[in-house]
Protein backbone atom coordinates (compact mmCIF):
# COMPACT_ATOMS: atom_id res chain seq x y z
CA MET A 1 -0.01 0.02 -0.10
CA GLY A 2 1.17 3.57 -0.94
CA LEU A 3 1.44 6.26 1.72
CA MET A 4 -2.13 7.49 0.78
CA ASP A 5 -3.49 4.50 -0.77
CA TRP A 6 -6.61 4.10 1.68
CA LYS A 7 -9.27 1.50 1.17
CA VAL A 8 -12.66 3.55 1.01
CA LYS A 9 -15.59 2.40 3.10
CA SER A 10 -18.99 3.29 2.57
CA PRO A 11 -20.71 5.63 5.13
CA ASP A 12 -23.23 2.61 5.71
CA VAL A 13 -20.47 1.28 7.77
CA LEU A 14 -21.40 3.93 10.67
CA GLN A 15 -25.05 3.04 10.56
CA GLN A 16 -24.00 -0.84 11.09
CA GLY A 17 -21.57 0.50 13.89
CA GLY A 18 -18.81 -0.94 11.98
CA VAL A 19 -14.88 -0.27 12.30
CA VAL A 20 -12.79 2.03 9.90
CA GLY A 21 -9.31 0.87 10.39
CA PRO A 22 -5.86 2.68 9.80
CA ASP A 23 -5.49 1.89 6.21
CA GLU A 24 -9.14 2.72 5.46
CA ARG A 25 -11.06 5.93 5.21
CA LEU A 26 -14.65 7.28 4.76
CA PRO A 27 -15.53 9.20 1.76
CA TRP A 28 -13.54 12.84 2.00
CA PRO A 29 -16.22 14.87 3.38
CA GLN A 30 -16.94 12.50 6.47
CA THR A 31 -13.45 12.34 6.86
CA ALA A 32 -12.87 15.87 6.93
CA VAL A 33 -15.77 16.49 9.83
CA MET A 34 -13.78 13.75 11.67
CA GLY A 35 -10.80 15.67 11.32
CA VAL A 36 -12.54 18.58 12.62
CA GLN A 37 -13.51 16.85 15.66
CA HIS A 38 -10.09 15.71 16.21
CA VAL A 39 -8.73 19.23 16.02
CA ILE A 40 -11.40 20.46 18.70
CA ALA A 41 -10.63 17.41 21.01
CA MET A 42 -6.94 18.44 21.51
CA PHE A 43 -7.46 22.29 21.18
CA GLY A 44 -8.08 23.02 24.95
CA ALA A 45 -4.87 21.22 26.01
CA THR A 46 -2.69 22.38 23.13
CA VAL A 47 -3.86 26.10 23.67
CA LEU A 48 -3.33 25.72 27.44
CA ALA A 49 0.04 24.34 27.71
CA PRO A 50 1.80 27.43 25.83
CA ILE A 51 -0.47 29.57 27.95
CA LEU A 52 1.18 28.26 31.31
CA MET A 53 4.62 28.60 29.79
CA GLY A 54 4.28 32.10 28.15
CA PHE A 55 4.25 30.99 24.55
CA ASP A 56 2.24 32.11 21.78
CA PRO A 57 -0.92 29.57 21.55
CA ASN A 58 -1.35 30.05 17.69
CA VAL A 59 2.30 29.18 17.41
CA ALA A 60 1.44 26.18 19.36
CA ILE A 61 -1.54 25.37 16.95
CA LEU A 62 0.34 25.68 14.09
CA MET A 63 3.13 23.69 15.27
CA SER A 64 0.66 20.81 16.32
CA GLY A 65 -0.61 20.70 12.58
CA LEU A 66 2.76 21.10 11.01
CA GLY A 67 4.27 18.28 13.59
CA THR A 68 0.95 15.67 13.01
CA LEU A 69 1.96 16.01 9.20
CA ILE A 70 5.64 15.14 9.94
CA PHE A 71 4.69 12.13 12.23
CA PHE A 72 2.25 11.13 9.29
CA LEU A 73 4.92 11.20 6.84
CA VAL A 74 7.60 9.43 8.89
CA THR A 75 5.46 6.83 10.10
CA GLY A 76 4.35 6.08 6.39
CA GLY A 77 0.74 7.31 7.14
CA LYS A 78 0.61 3.76 9.40
CA VAL A 79 0.09 5.22 13.07
CA PRO A 80 -3.04 7.38 13.61
CA SER A 81 -1.95 9.96 15.90
CA TYR A 82 -2.11 13.75 16.42
CA LEU A 83 0.71 15.76 18.18
CA GLY A 84 -0.11 18.34 20.47
CA SER A 85 1.62 20.55 23.14
CA SER A 86 3.20 18.37 25.73
CA PHE A 87 2.50 19.25 29.59
CA ALA A 88 5.58 17.47 30.38
CA PHE A 89 7.74 20.40 29.41
CA ILE A 90 5.99 23.06 31.79
CA GLY A 91 7.94 22.66 34.87
CA VAL A 92 11.24 22.42 33.41
CA VAL A 93 10.63 25.56 30.83
CA ILE A 94 9.37 27.68 34.04
CA ALA A 95 12.53 26.51 35.78
CA ALA A 96 15.28 27.20 32.96
CA THR A 97 13.48 30.77 32.08
CA GLY A 98 12.09 31.77 35.54
CA TYR A 99 8.93 32.66 33.89
CA ALA A 100 6.54 34.52 36.26
CA GLY A 101 3.38 33.21 35.07
CA LYS A 102 1.59 35.82 33.34
CA GLY A 103 2.02 37.20 29.66
CA ALA A 104 4.77 36.29 27.26
CA ASN A 105 7.95 34.61 28.27
CA ALA A 106 10.76 37.00 28.26
CA ASN A 107 13.28 34.21 28.10
CA ILE A 108 11.74 31.80 25.65
CA GLY A 109 14.61 31.51 23.47
CA VAL A 110 16.38 29.68 26.15
CA ALA A 111 13.53 27.41 26.55
CA LEU A 112 13.28 26.80 22.86
CA GLY A 113 16.96 25.83 22.66
CA GLY A 114 16.37 23.28 25.49
CA ILE A 115 13.23 21.65 23.81
CA ILE A 116 15.08 21.18 20.34
CA ALA A 117 17.71 19.25 22.53
CA CYS A 118 15.02 17.03 23.78
CA GLY A 119 13.66 16.63 20.27
CA LEU A 120 17.08 15.41 19.16
CA LEU A 121 17.42 13.23 22.03
CA TYR A 122 14.01 11.54 21.42
CA THR A 123 15.01 11.16 17.70
CA LEU A 124 17.96 9.28 18.63
CA ILE A 125 16.18 7.07 20.84
CA GLY A 126 13.83 6.35 17.87
CA ALA A 127 16.68 5.68 15.73
CA LEU A 128 18.01 2.91 18.20
CA VAL A 129 14.57 1.42 18.48
CA GLN A 130 14.44 1.42 14.53
CA ALA A 131 17.86 -0.42 14.55
CA ILE A 132 17.49 -3.09 17.42
CA GLY A 133 13.87 -4.01 16.70
CA THR A 134 10.67 -4.11 19.01
CA ARG A 135 11.15 -7.69 20.25
CA TRP A 136 12.24 -6.33 23.59
CA ILE A 137 8.95 -4.05 23.81
CA GLU A 138 6.97 -7.23 23.70
CA ARG A 139 9.00 -9.10 26.34
CA CYS A 140 8.95 -5.69 28.69
CA MET A 141 5.06 -5.06 28.21
CA PRO A 142 2.93 -7.94 28.21
CA PRO A 143 -0.84 -7.36 28.62
CA VAL A 144 -0.85 -6.67 32.23
CA VAL A 145 1.53 -3.98 32.02
CA THR A 146 0.17 -2.33 28.46
CA GLY A 147 -3.32 -2.25 29.89
CA SER A 148 -2.01 -0.62 33.34
CA VAL A 149 -0.26 2.07 31.04
CA VAL A 150 -3.19 2.62 28.89
CA ALA A 151 -5.41 3.01 31.73
CA VAL A 152 -2.96 5.50 33.49
CA ILE A 153 -2.61 7.99 30.77
CA GLY A 154 -6.54 8.55 31.10
CA LEU A 155 -6.65 8.47 35.18
CA ASN A 156 -3.36 10.60 35.53
CA LEU A 157 -5.38 13.34 33.88
CA ALA A 158 -8.66 13.00 35.69
CA GLY A 159 -7.99 15.66 38.31
CA ILE A 160 -7.78 18.31 35.50
CA PRO A 161 -11.39 18.57 34.55
CA ILE A 162 -12.53 17.85 38.07
CA LYS A 163 -10.15 20.33 39.96
CA ASN A 164 -9.15 22.69 37.47
CA MET A 165 -12.21 23.41 35.06
CA ALA A 166 -15.09 24.05 37.46
CA ALA A 167 -14.71 27.13 39.77
CA SER A 168 -18.30 27.22 41.07
CA ASN A 169 -21.18 24.76 41.93
CA PHE A 170 -22.87 25.92 38.73
CA ASP A 171 -19.74 25.15 36.65
CA SER A 172 -19.66 21.47 38.25
CA TRP A 173 -23.30 21.00 37.39
CA MET A 174 -22.48 22.39 33.80
CA GLN A 175 -19.86 19.40 33.53
CA ALA A 176 -22.50 17.15 34.21
CA VAL A 177 -25.01 18.33 31.80
CA THR A 178 -21.97 18.23 29.30
CA PHE A 179 -21.11 14.51 29.77
CA VAL A 180 -24.93 13.35 29.78
CA CYS A 181 -25.04 15.37 26.59
CA VAL A 182 -22.50 13.23 24.99
CA GLY A 183 -23.90 10.02 26.52
CA LEU A 184 -26.93 10.57 25.07
CA VAL A 185 -25.67 11.29 21.66
CA ALA A 186 -23.54 8.05 22.09
CA VAL A 187 -26.44 6.00 22.66
CA LEU A 188 -29.56 7.46 21.02
CA THR A 189 -28.43 8.66 17.70
CA ARG A 190 -26.91 6.64 14.79
CA GLY A 191 -24.45 6.88 11.79
CA MET A 192 -22.10 10.17 11.44
CA VAL A 193 -23.98 12.15 14.27
CA GLN A 194 -23.02 9.01 16.57
CA ARG A 195 -19.42 9.07 15.58
CA LEU A 196 -19.22 12.79 16.13
CA LEU A 197 -20.60 12.55 19.66
CA ILE A 198 -17.84 14.72 21.23
CA LEU A 199 -18.50 17.48 18.90
CA VAL A 200 -22.22 17.24 18.74
CA GLY A 201 -22.64 16.82 22.47
CA LEU A 202 -20.05 19.71 22.86
CA ILE A 203 -22.33 21.80 20.79
CA ALA A 204 -25.29 21.05 22.53
CA ALA A 205 -24.14 21.40 26.01
CA SER A 206 -22.62 25.23 24.81
CA ILE A 207 -26.28 26.03 24.04
CA VAL A 208 -27.86 24.75 27.11
CA TYR A 209 -24.83 26.93 28.93
CA ALA A 210 -25.75 30.17 26.96
CA VAL A 211 -29.41 29.42 27.85
CA LEU A 212 -28.83 29.31 31.24
CA THR A 213 -26.15 32.04 31.58
CA ASN A 214 -26.59 34.76 29.06
CA GLY A 215 -30.39 34.09 28.97
CA MET A 216 -31.19 33.41 32.75
CA GLY A 217 -28.30 34.75 34.58
CA LEU A 218 -27.25 31.73 36.46
CA GLY A 219 -23.52 31.56 35.87
CA LYS A 220 -20.69 33.51 33.87
CA PRO A 221 -22.12 34.33 30.72
CA MET A 222 -20.26 33.46 27.52
CA ASP A 223 -18.53 36.24 26.34
CA LEU A 224 -18.36 36.62 22.33
CA SER A 225 -16.46 40.28 22.31
CA ALA A 226 -12.78 38.29 21.86
CA LEU A 227 -14.42 36.48 18.82
CA ALA A 228 -16.04 39.28 17.10
CA ASN A 229 -12.52 41.57 17.69
CA ALA A 230 -10.34 38.87 16.37
CA PRO A 231 -9.06 39.11 12.89
CA TRP A 232 -9.51 36.22 10.33
CA PHE A 233 -5.92 36.13 9.43
CA GLY A 234 -2.64 37.01 11.21
CA MET A 235 0.88 36.03 11.58
CA PRO A 236 1.72 33.91 14.95
CA ASN A 237 4.44 35.40 17.14
CA PHE A 238 7.41 33.24 15.89
CA ALA A 239 10.62 33.06 18.16
CA ALA A 240 14.20 31.95 17.82
CA PRO A 241 15.93 29.63 19.75
CA VAL A 242 18.85 30.45 22.26
CA PHE A 243 21.28 27.32 23.17
CA SER A 244 22.31 27.33 26.71
CA GLY A 245 23.89 24.41 28.07
CA SER A 246 22.09 24.30 31.56
CA ALA A 247 18.72 24.81 29.75
CA MET A 248 19.41 22.00 27.67
CA LEU A 249 20.57 19.92 30.41
CA LEU A 250 17.42 20.53 32.34
CA ILE A 251 14.94 20.11 29.35
CA ALA A 252 16.56 17.32 27.26
CA PRO A 253 15.63 14.24 29.65
CA VAL A 254 11.95 15.13 29.03
CA ALA A 255 12.44 12.73 26.03
CA ILE A 256 12.05 9.95 28.89
CA ILE A 257 8.71 11.12 29.38
CA LEU A 258 7.68 11.51 25.58
CA VAL A 259 8.80 7.96 24.98
CA ALA A 260 6.48 6.49 27.62
CA GLU A 261 3.69 8.78 26.66
CA ASN A 262 4.07 7.54 22.88
CA LEU A 263 4.81 3.83 23.69
CA GLY A 264 1.39 4.14 25.83
CA HIS A 265 -0.35 5.48 22.76
CA ILE A 266 0.78 3.05 20.31
CA LYS A 267 -0.02 -0.05 22.80
CA ALA A 268 -3.60 1.48 23.05
CA VAL A 269 -4.24 1.70 19.42
CA THR A 270 -2.80 -1.46 18.87
CA ALA A 271 -5.28 -3.00 21.04
CA MET A 272 -8.44 -0.89 19.71
CA THR A 273 -7.48 -1.66 16.02
CA GLY A 274 -6.15 -5.24 16.26
CA GLN A 275 -3.43 -4.28 14.25
CA ASP A 276 0.14 -4.90 15.48
CA LEU A 277 1.85 -1.31 15.27
CA ASP A 278 4.82 -2.07 17.64
CA ARG A 279 6.96 -2.43 14.43
CA TYR A 280 6.50 1.63 13.88
CA MET A 281 7.60 2.39 17.38
CA GLY A 282 11.21 3.70 16.09
CA ARG A 283 9.68 5.59 13.38
CA ALA A 284 6.97 7.09 15.70
CA PHE A 285 9.83 8.17 18.22
CA ILE A 286 11.74 9.69 15.21
CA GLY A 287 8.54 11.69 14.01
CA ASP A 288 7.76 12.76 17.18
CA GLY A 289 11.19 13.74 17.78
CA ILE A 290 11.41 15.85 14.58
CA ALA A 291 8.51 17.65 15.12
CA THR A 292 9.52 19.00 18.39
CA MET A 293 12.64 20.20 16.90
CA VAL A 294 10.64 22.00 13.98
CA SER A 295 8.20 23.33 16.96
CA GLY A 296 10.91 24.44 19.12
CA SER A 297 12.79 26.26 16.23
CA ALA A 298 9.68 28.74 15.49
CA GLY A 299 8.69 29.22 19.10
CA GLY A 300 6.67 26.39 19.79
CA THR A 301 6.30 23.70 22.62
CA GLY A 302 7.58 20.32 22.49
CA VAL A 303 5.02 18.07 21.07
CA THR A 304 3.54 14.40 22.11
CA THR A 305 0.95 11.98 20.84
CA TYR A 306 -2.46 13.42 22.35
CA ALA A 307 -4.45 11.35 24.73
CA GLU A 308 -7.79 13.09 24.01
CA ASN A 309 -7.45 11.69 20.24
CA ILE A 310 -7.08 8.12 21.72
CA GLY A 311 -10.38 8.86 23.49
CA VAL A 312 -12.01 10.27 20.35
CA MET A 313 -10.91 6.97 18.54
CA ALA A 314 -12.21 4.58 21.24
CA ALA A 315 -15.46 6.56 21.10
CA THR A 316 -15.88 6.67 17.55
CA LYS A 317 -13.90 3.36 16.32
CA ILE A 318 -12.51 5.32 13.34
CA TYR A 319 -8.87 4.78 13.24
CA SER A 320 -8.25 5.90 9.64
CA THR A 321 -5.08 7.86 9.43
CA ALA A 322 -6.33 10.00 6.65
CA VAL A 323 -8.50 11.62 9.65
CA PHE A 324 -5.44 12.75 11.23
CA LEU A 325 -3.77 14.00 7.73
CA LEU A 326 -6.90 16.42 7.60
CA ALA A 327 -6.76 17.20 11.23
CA GLY A 328 -3.02 18.29 10.70
CA VAL A 329 -3.92 20.42 7.73
CA PHE A 330 -6.86 22.21 9.46
CA ALA A 331 -4.56 22.89 12.63
CA LEU A 332 -1.81 24.05 10.17
CA VAL A 333 -4.42 26.69 8.92
CA LEU A 334 -6.14 27.56 11.87
CA GLY A 335 -2.78 28.99 13.28
CA PHE A 336 -2.80 31.84 11.02
CA SER A 337 -6.48 32.44 12.20
CA PRO A 338 -6.85 34.22 15.42
CA LYS A 339 -10.76 34.14 14.58
CA PHE A 340 -10.84 30.56 15.19
CA GLY A 341 -8.52 30.55 18.28
CA ALA A 342 -11.03 33.01 19.77
CA LEU A 343 -13.94 30.83 18.86
CA ILE A 344 -12.44 28.08 20.85
CA GLN A 345 -11.72 30.07 23.67
CA THR A 346 -15.42 31.16 24.03
CA ILE A 347 -16.41 27.27 24.76
CA PRO A 348 -17.33 27.68 28.39
CA LEU A 349 -14.54 25.98 30.54
CA PRO A 350 -16.86 23.58 32.41
CA VAL A 351 -18.22 22.29 29.02
CA MET A 352 -14.61 21.39 28.01
CA GLY A 353 -14.23 19.88 31.50
CA GLY A 354 -17.27 17.72 30.87
CA VAL A 355 -15.90 16.66 27.40
CA SER A 356 -12.69 15.82 28.94
CA ILE A 357 -14.36 13.72 31.75
CA VAL A 358 -15.76 11.58 28.80
CA VAL A 359 -12.64 11.52 26.89
CA PHE A 360 -10.32 10.75 29.87
CA GLY A 361 -12.55 8.00 31.17
CA LEU A 362 -12.70 6.35 27.70
CA ILE A 363 -8.94 5.97 27.72
CA ALA A 364 -8.91 4.29 31.00
CA VAL A 365 -11.41 1.99 30.03
CA ALA A 366 -9.50 1.04 26.79
CA GLY A 367 -6.66 -0.06 29.22
CA ALA A 368 -9.15 -2.24 30.96
CA LYS A 369 -10.28 -3.82 27.87
CA ILE A 370 -6.58 -4.68 26.92
CA TRP A 371 -6.83 -6.75 29.97
CA VAL A 372 -10.14 -8.57 29.06
CA ASP A 373 -9.34 -9.20 25.35
CA ASN A 374 -6.09 -10.77 26.63
CA LYS A 375 -7.66 -12.73 29.57
CA VAL A 376 -4.96 -11.29 32.14
CA ASP A 377 -5.05 -13.81 35.04
CA PHE A 378 -5.61 -11.41 38.19
CA SER A 379 -5.63 -14.69 40.52
CA GLN A 380 -1.43 -14.49 39.79
CA ASN A 381 0.03 -12.09 42.34
CA LYS A 382 2.69 -10.86 39.94
CA ASN A 383 -0.27 -9.39 37.73
CA LEU A 384 -2.15 -8.14 40.86
CA ILE A 385 0.58 -6.31 42.14
CA VAL A 386 1.86 -4.69 38.75
CA ALA A 387 -1.41 -3.55 37.86
CA ALA A 388 -2.26 -2.48 41.60
CA ILE A 389 0.88 -0.34 42.20
CA THR A 390 0.85 1.18 38.46
CA LEU A 391 -2.76 2.42 38.79
CA ILE A 392 -2.07 4.26 42.09
CA LEU A 393 1.40 5.82 40.83
CA GLY A 394 -0.28 7.26 37.91
CA THR A 395 -3.65 8.36 39.27
CA GLY A 396 -1.91 9.79 42.29
CA ASP A 397 1.08 11.53 40.01
CA PHE A 398 3.56 9.66 41.89
CA THR A 399 6.74 11.98 40.91
CA LEU A 400 10.47 11.16 41.25
CA LYS A 401 12.97 13.86 41.17
CA PHE A 402 16.46 13.74 39.74
CA GLY A 403 17.92 16.99 40.55
CA GLU A 404 16.14 19.32 38.66
CA PHE A 405 14.41 16.88 36.23
CA ALA A 406 10.94 15.46 37.82
CA LEU A 407 9.41 12.32 36.28
CA GLY A 408 5.79 12.34 36.94
CA GLY A 409 2.82 10.09 37.03
CA ILE A 410 2.89 8.74 33.38
CA GLY A 411 6.35 8.24 33.18
CA THR A 412 6.74 6.66 36.75
CA ALA A 413 3.65 4.55 36.46
CA THR A 414 5.12 3.48 32.65
CA PHE A 415 8.66 2.49 33.91
CA GLY A 416 7.45 1.24 37.11
CA ALA A 417 5.34 -1.15 35.55
CA ILE A 418 7.83 -2.57 33.35
CA ILE A 419 10.60 -2.57 36.02
CA LEU A 420 8.13 -4.27 38.26
CA TYR A 421 7.03 -6.87 36.07
CA ALA A 422 10.61 -7.75 35.15
CA LEU A 423 11.31 -8.03 38.72
CA LEU A 424 8.30 -10.23 39.97
CA ASN A 425 8.27 -12.09 36.68
CA ARG A 426 12.08 -13.50 37.46
CA LYS A 427 10.30 -16.38 39.66
CA GLY A 428 8.55 -17.33 36.51
């Protein structure tokens, strides 16, 4: 099969609840709408990460689209994945630049040099994996480990919508309204509408929010002034890297976290699609590494495979890489449109929070599905202990520090699961 040689499936597959594989696609109009849904799913986090570091969000959106296209090309269009701003960089970037937390980051160049160094290290790890193969991955990551790691990706993020995206009791109720809307779309509709459950649920919940706030004065009203004032087209604020040895040493080890995230992503997609994507692991690391270097060279954040988009795939059963090709193109164009950025920013935070609860929960359930599908035997103590400890490490965001570098919950859970299984399996 060629790079863009997808087998076209009839839209009837949507009515019948069928699956669209990575090497298949729907007709282009339906594929394009699915691409828009993926862009919206990643938008909240991809915009939030640069704001927390003092970077320009439009550059981040532009680079997420470009990074996704780079990843698509390097993996030969075989791995369905969207690359967005990585939260793993936030702590080290703030430490390296002394960012005060508001406005533009005056020392952004130093951070960009570190991000490029991280991307280079990540690329070299990918080249090593490509050279020695992936059999070690199969030995190190049996289903009990893989399922635990995938579940942890969702559980680790659970606190974000619950703690940070509902400032009041009204907001909490709106989160509940939102996930009920998504649930109703998922269960009561059919065909394309059902596959667009995240997008349709979000729009429905936003309308309810507007009626309750702008119409009835029950909460913070939606403010459309920024949307009205934003220009349709505009250049993002690009920035140039500065290479500082200390900043590069501080930021480069984040590559280890990106490896863990990408590893979990590929294992999750392998489990969902039934197609073995391990053989593309090295190329996936290289694609992500190159995308991170390109992003850092223009003023963007480091990028990683996005958990939000795993959740959308789990919900829609559409894994076509064509969707991600178009999503990347959309994001690339939108990077030059402050108007679209303002439109996404008008989506009420609790509505985004309600959608996030659904998406992160779907990832956690995808991990449990790996256990069920592979008949993991939890009467064996080694399986029980590995799963139990991994879930708590990730959910509680257990962090280990090595000097200035911190390995957070997803990283400690991933490497902890691999090491613990190797240790406990010696007897076997």
